[in-house]
């Protein structure tokens, strides 16, 4: 199996309530859930075998993030993914593929900058994103809510149906619960397989067990389907070698890892 390197890239910060998003109310007494937390919005540049691949493309600018999504969220100057790549000497046109964990606003900005890429998403996610129920109009920037145009509008996707290998050493498997068609991207490196799990969890706390209430994980408070979310988190935890081989989008410690599989 071919191997790749993974470079985490932070595209900004989403201000998030620990009680309302990160820790399910049934486990609040076992955690500090007071206040908000500025969570990073991390994407991953995967390189190897003559290819450059993005896993997610990150969030909007500060104005949109603060006004329409999470008040207090910021994208510092130079943090947008086209700018971040150019600082690394990579033009967005050099990206061969963009694999999206899901199509929420903080995972799919600037798709049109990747002019030569193929785009991959689960077909059930794409179908829902185009016609979400009103509860999810904001998450997908549905035009009926603010008159906005979703970032995935006009993008031609390779629509996936369940678990599949996209390239030798890079595969996806469904991990629904946070969104209808959420998927986790598995990348093989010299350090083993890493699971880029998007918003399956928000922080590593969500993988912790709570023995006092017979929880094998700590579920998040934000979910589309709590049963699917629970089962997907357990499955990812079981598939991965250990927690450090899982790379959540919003886990702060992931930003400390400069290059995986070097």
Protein backbone atom coordinates (compact mmCIF):
# COMPACT_ATOMS: atom_id res chain seq x y z
CA UNK A 1 0.00 0.00 0.00
CA UNK A 2 1.31 3.44 -0.90
CA UNK A 3 2.13 5.97 1.80
CA UNK A 4 1.60 9.72 2.07
CA UNK A 5 2.42 12.64 4.33
CA UNK A 6 -0.28 14.65 6.08
CA UNK A 7 0.12 18.33 6.89
CA UNK A 8 -2.53 19.87 9.20
CA UNK A 9 -3.45 23.45 8.24
CA UNK A 10 -5.51 25.70 10.51
CA UNK A 11 -7.94 27.92 8.57
CA UNK A 12 -9.35 29.86 11.53
CA UNK A 13 -11.26 29.55 14.78
CA UNK A 14 -14.93 28.77 15.46
CA UNK A 15 -16.22 29.99 18.82
CA UNK A 16 -18.16 27.09 20.27
CA UNK A 17 -20.13 26.46 23.48
CA UNK A 18 -18.73 23.53 25.43
CA UNK A 19 -22.16 22.72 26.85
CA UNK A 20 -24.17 23.11 23.65
CA UNK A 21 -21.71 21.58 21.20
CA UNK A 22 -18.82 19.63 22.67
CA UNK A 23 -20.14 17.61 25.65
CA UNK A 24 -23.58 15.96 25.73
CA UNK A 25 -25.74 17.20 28.62
CA UNK A 26 -25.87 13.73 30.18
CA UNK A 27 -22.12 13.89 30.82
CA UNK A 28 -21.84 17.53 31.91
CA UNK A 29 -21.13 16.72 35.55
CA UNK A 30 -17.96 14.86 34.55
CA UNK A 31 -16.46 17.78 32.59
CA UNK A 32 -15.91 21.51 32.81
CA UNK A 33 -18.52 22.77 30.35
CA UNK A 34 -18.57 26.45 31.30
CA UNK A 35 -18.19 29.09 28.64
CA UNK A 36 -17.09 29.03 25.02
CA UNK A 37 -14.01 27.57 23.41
CA UNK A 38 -12.27 28.80 20.27
CA UNK A 39 -11.83 25.63 18.26
CA UNK A 40 -9.47 25.51 15.28
CA UNK A 41 -10.82 24.63 11.85
CA UNK A 42 -8.19 22.26 10.52
CA UNK A 43 -7.85 20.83 7.02
CA UNK A 44 -5.23 18.43 5.74
CA UNK A 45 -2.82 18.58 2.81
CA UNK A 46 -2.00 15.02 1.79
CA UNK A 47 1.04 14.54 -0.45
CA UNK A 48 2.68 11.52 -2.05
CA UNK A 49 3.04 9.44 -5.18
CA UNK A 50 2.98 12.50 -7.40
CA UNK A 51 -0.31 13.79 -5.95
CA UNK A 52 -1.51 16.65 -3.78
CA UNK A 53 -4.86 16.07 -2.09
CA UNK A 54 -6.94 18.17 0.28
CA UNK A 55 -9.13 16.69 2.99
CA UNK A 56 -11.65 19.52 3.49
CA UNK A 57 -10.91 23.14 2.61
CA UNK A 58 -11.87 25.05 5.74
CA UNK A 59 -13.98 27.96 6.85
CA UNK A 60 -15.19 31.34 5.60
CA UNK A 61 -13.80 34.75 6.43
CA UNK A 62 -14.45 36.39 9.79
CA UNK A 63 -17.42 38.49 8.67
CA UNK A 64 -19.45 35.53 7.40
CA UNK A 65 -18.41 33.20 10.23
CA UNK A 66 -19.30 35.75 12.92
CA UNK A 67 -22.49 37.10 11.34
CA UNK A 68 -24.12 33.92 10.07
CA UNK A 69 -22.59 31.02 11.99
CA UNK A 70 -20.75 31.23 15.33
CA UNK A 71 -20.53 34.74 16.83
CA UNK A 72 -16.95 35.50 17.82
CA UNK A 73 -15.42 33.21 15.19
CA UNK A 74 -12.40 34.57 13.35
CA UNK A 75 -10.25 33.85 10.34
CA UNK A 76 -7.00 35.78 10.85
CA UNK A 77 -5.41 37.38 7.82
CA UNK A 78 -3.64 34.78 5.70
CA UNK A 79 -5.51 31.81 7.19
CA UNK A 80 -7.85 31.14 4.23
CA UNK A 81 -6.79 27.92 2.55
CA UNK A 82 -5.65 29.48 -0.77
CA UNK A 83 -3.36 31.83 1.20
CA UNK A 84 -2.10 29.04 3.44
CA UNK A 85 -1.20 26.85 0.48
CA UNK A 86 0.59 29.66 -1.34
CA UNK A 87 2.72 30.29 1.77
CA UNK A 88 3.79 26.64 1.45
CA UNK A 89 4.65 27.12 -2.20
CA UNK A 90 1.57 25.25 -3.42
CA UNK A 91 -0.89 26.87 -5.81
CA UNK A 92 -4.50 25.67 -5.41
CA UNK A 93 -4.43 24.72 -9.09
CA UNK A 94 -1.85 22.04 -8.22
CA UNK A 95 -4.32 20.14 -6.03
CA UNK A 96 -5.38 16.90 -7.72
CA UNK A 97 -8.31 15.99 -5.47
CA UNK A 98 -10.46 17.41 -2.69
CA UNK A 99 -12.11 14.85 -0.40
CA UNK A 100 -14.80 16.38 1.79
CA UNK A 101 -15.85 14.86 5.09
CA UNK A 102 -19.15 16.74 4.69
CA UNK A 103 -20.50 19.98 3.25
CA UNK A 104 -21.03 22.21 6.29
CA UNK A 105 -19.84 25.80 5.88
CA UNK A 106 -16.57 25.38 7.80
CA UNK A 107 -15.36 22.45 5.71
CA UNK A 108 -15.90 23.48 2.10
CA UNK A 109 -14.95 27.11 1.54
CA UNK A 110 -12.99 28.19 -1.57
CA UNK A 111 -13.77 25.04 -3.57
CA UNK A 112 -13.68 27.00 -6.81
CA UNK A 113 -10.04 27.89 -6.21
CA UNK A 114 -9.10 24.26 -6.91
CA UNK A 115 -9.46 24.52 -10.65
CA UNK A 116 -7.86 21.18 -11.56
CA UNK A 117 -9.13 19.01 -8.73
CA UNK A 118 -11.63 16.20 -8.65
CA UNK A 119 -14.09 16.52 -5.77
CA UNK A 120 -15.35 13.61 -3.65
CA UNK A 121 -18.27 13.46 -1.22
CA UNK A 122 -20.85 10.91 -0.15
CA UNK A 123 -23.91 11.05 -2.40
CA UNK A 124 -26.32 11.13 0.54
CA UNK A 125 -24.51 14.18 1.93
CA UNK A 126 -24.66 16.00 -1.40
CA UNK A 127 -28.36 15.28 -1.85
CA UNK A 128 -29.18 16.59 1.63
CA UNK A 129 -26.92 19.65 1.26
CA UNK A 130 -28.76 20.73 -1.86
CA UNK A 131 -32.17 20.50 -0.16
CA UNK A 132 -31.65 20.53 3.62
CA UNK A 133 -34.50 20.80 6.08
CA UNK A 134 -34.79 24.35 7.51
CA UNK A 135 -32.92 23.36 10.69
CA UNK A 136 -29.81 22.95 8.53
CA UNK A 137 -30.20 25.91 6.16
CA UNK A 138 -27.48 27.79 8.06
CA UNK A 139 -25.00 24.90 8.15
CA UNK A 140 -25.15 24.53 4.36
CA UNK A 141 -25.61 28.27 3.61
CA UNK A 142 -28.85 27.47 1.83
CA UNK A 143 -29.92 30.41 -0.37
CA UNK A 144 -33.44 30.60 1.09
CA UNK A 145 -32.05 31.70 4.46
CA UNK A 146 -29.64 34.55 3.70
CA UNK A 147 -29.58 34.67 -0.08
CA UNK A 148 -26.08 33.18 0.04
CA UNK A 149 -24.64 30.84 -2.57
CA UNK A 150 -23.24 27.62 -1.09
CA UNK A 151 -19.57 27.05 -1.78
CA UNK A 152 -20.35 23.73 -3.44
CA UNK A 153 -22.70 25.34 -5.97
CA UNK A 154 -21.48 24.56 -9.49
CA UNK A 155 -18.95 21.95 -8.35
CA UNK A 156 -19.05 18.62 -10.17
CA UNK A 157 -18.64 15.89 -7.58
CA UNK A 158 -17.60 12.29 -7.77
CA UNK A 159 -20.43 10.93 -5.63
CA UNK A 160 -19.48 8.05 -3.33
CA UNK A 161 -21.74 5.34 -2.00
CA UNK A 162 -20.36 4.00 1.27
CA UNK A 163 -16.89 2.71 2.07
CA UNK A 164 -14.48 2.80 -0.84
CA UNK A 165 -10.84 3.24 -1.80
CA UNK A 166 -10.29 6.46 -3.74
CA UNK A 167 -6.54 6.06 -4.33
CA UNK A 168 -4.07 3.37 -3.30
CA UNK A 169 -3.52 4.15 0.38
CA UNK A 170 -6.45 6.60 0.69
CA UNK A 171 -9.98 5.42 1.46
CA UNK A 172 -13.20 6.64 3.06
CA UNK A 173 -15.88 5.07 5.21
CA UNK A 174 -19.26 6.46 6.30
CA UNK A 175 -19.37 8.03 9.76
CA UNK A 176 -22.83 9.62 9.89
CA UNK A 177 -24.38 11.31 12.88
CA UNK A 178 -23.00 14.83 12.78
CA UNK A 179 -24.42 15.09 9.27
CA UNK A 180 -26.44 12.69 7.14
CA UNK A 181 -23.57 11.73 4.86
CA UNK A 182 -20.50 12.45 6.96
CA UNK A 183 -17.44 10.35 6.06
CA UNK A 184 -14.00 9.71 7.53
CA UNK A 185 -10.92 9.76 5.30
CA UNK A 186 -8.19 7.19 6.01
CA UNK A 187 -4.66 8.03 4.85
CA UNK A 188 -1.82 5.53 4.99
CA UNK A 189 1.55 6.94 6.13
CA UNK A 190 4.89 5.58 7.28
CA UNK A 191 3.48 5.97 10.81
CA UNK A 192 0.40 3.90 10.02
CA UNK A 193 -3.15 4.78 8.99
CA UNK A 194 -4.60 8.10 10.14
CA UNK A 195 -8.32 8.80 10.28
CA UNK A 196 -9.22 12.36 9.24
CA UNK A 197 -12.62 12.33 10.91
CA UNK A 198 -14.00 15.82 10.29
CA UNK A 199 -16.73 16.63 12.82
CA UNK A 200 -17.31 13.06 13.95
CA UNK A 201 -16.03 14.47 17.25
CA UNK A 202 -15.10 18.00 18.26
CA UNK A 203 -12.23 17.21 20.63
CA UNK A 204 -10.45 14.13 21.93
CA UNK A 205 -12.69 14.37 25.02
CA UNK A 206 -15.44 12.81 22.90
CA UNK A 207 -13.46 9.56 22.70
CA UNK A 208 -13.13 9.28 26.49
CA UNK A 209 -15.21 6.72 28.35
CA UNK A 210 -17.37 7.68 31.32
CA UNK A 211 -17.46 4.50 33.44
CA UNK A 212 -19.75 6.04 36.04
CA UNK A 213 -22.62 6.02 33.54
CA UNK A 214 -21.44 3.09 31.40
CA UNK A 215 -20.47 5.30 28.45
CA UNK A 216 -17.68 3.94 26.24
CA UNK A 217 -17.39 7.41 24.68
CA UNK A 218 -18.45 10.95 25.60
CA UNK A 219 -20.97 11.99 22.94
CA UNK A 220 -21.05 15.56 21.64
CA UNK A 221 -24.06 17.82 22.09
CA UNK A 222 -24.34 18.75 18.41
CA UNK A 223 -25.58 15.98 16.16
CA UNK A 224 -28.04 15.20 13.39
CA UNK A 225 -28.67 11.65 14.65
CA UNK A 226 -27.44 10.75 18.14
CA UNK A 227 -27.63 6.98 17.57
CA UNK A 228 -25.63 7.19 14.34
CA UNK A 229 -23.20 9.62 15.98
CA UNK A 230 -22.58 7.30 18.93
CA UNK A 231 -22.06 4.26 16.71
CA UNK A 232 -19.78 6.14 14.30
CA UNK A 233 -17.56 7.43 17.13
CA UNK A 234 -17.26 3.93 18.58
CA UNK A 235 -16.44 2.49 15.15
CA UNK A 236 -13.72 5.07 14.48
CA UNK A 237 -12.25 4.48 17.95
CA UNK A 238 -12.15 0.74 17.24
CA UNK A 239 -10.71 1.09 13.73
CA UNK A 240 -7.83 3.38 14.70
CA UNK A 241 -4.62 2.07 16.23
CA UNK A 242 -4.98 4.67 18.98
CA UNK A 243 -6.55 8.07 19.51
CA UNK A 244 -3.48 9.93 18.20
CA UNK A 245 -4.07 8.24 14.84
CA UNK A 246 -7.40 10.09 14.63
CA UNK A 247 -7.33 13.69 13.36
CA UNK A 248 -10.49 15.68 14.18
CA UNK A 249 -11.05 19.02 12.48
CA UNK A 250 -11.56 20.95 15.71
CA UNK A 251 -9.06 19.36 18.10
CA UNK A 252 -6.54 22.03 19.17
CA UNK A 253 -3.62 19.63 19.67
CA UNK A 254 -3.81 18.61 15.99
CA UNK A 255 -2.49 22.08 15.10
CA UNK A 256 0.77 21.23 16.93
CA UNK A 257 1.57 18.45 14.45
CA UNK A 258 3.49 19.96 11.54
CA UNK A 259 3.96 16.91 9.33
CA UNK A 260 2.78 13.34 9.78
CA UNK A 261 4.55 10.50 7.99
CA UNK A 262 7.73 12.45 7.21
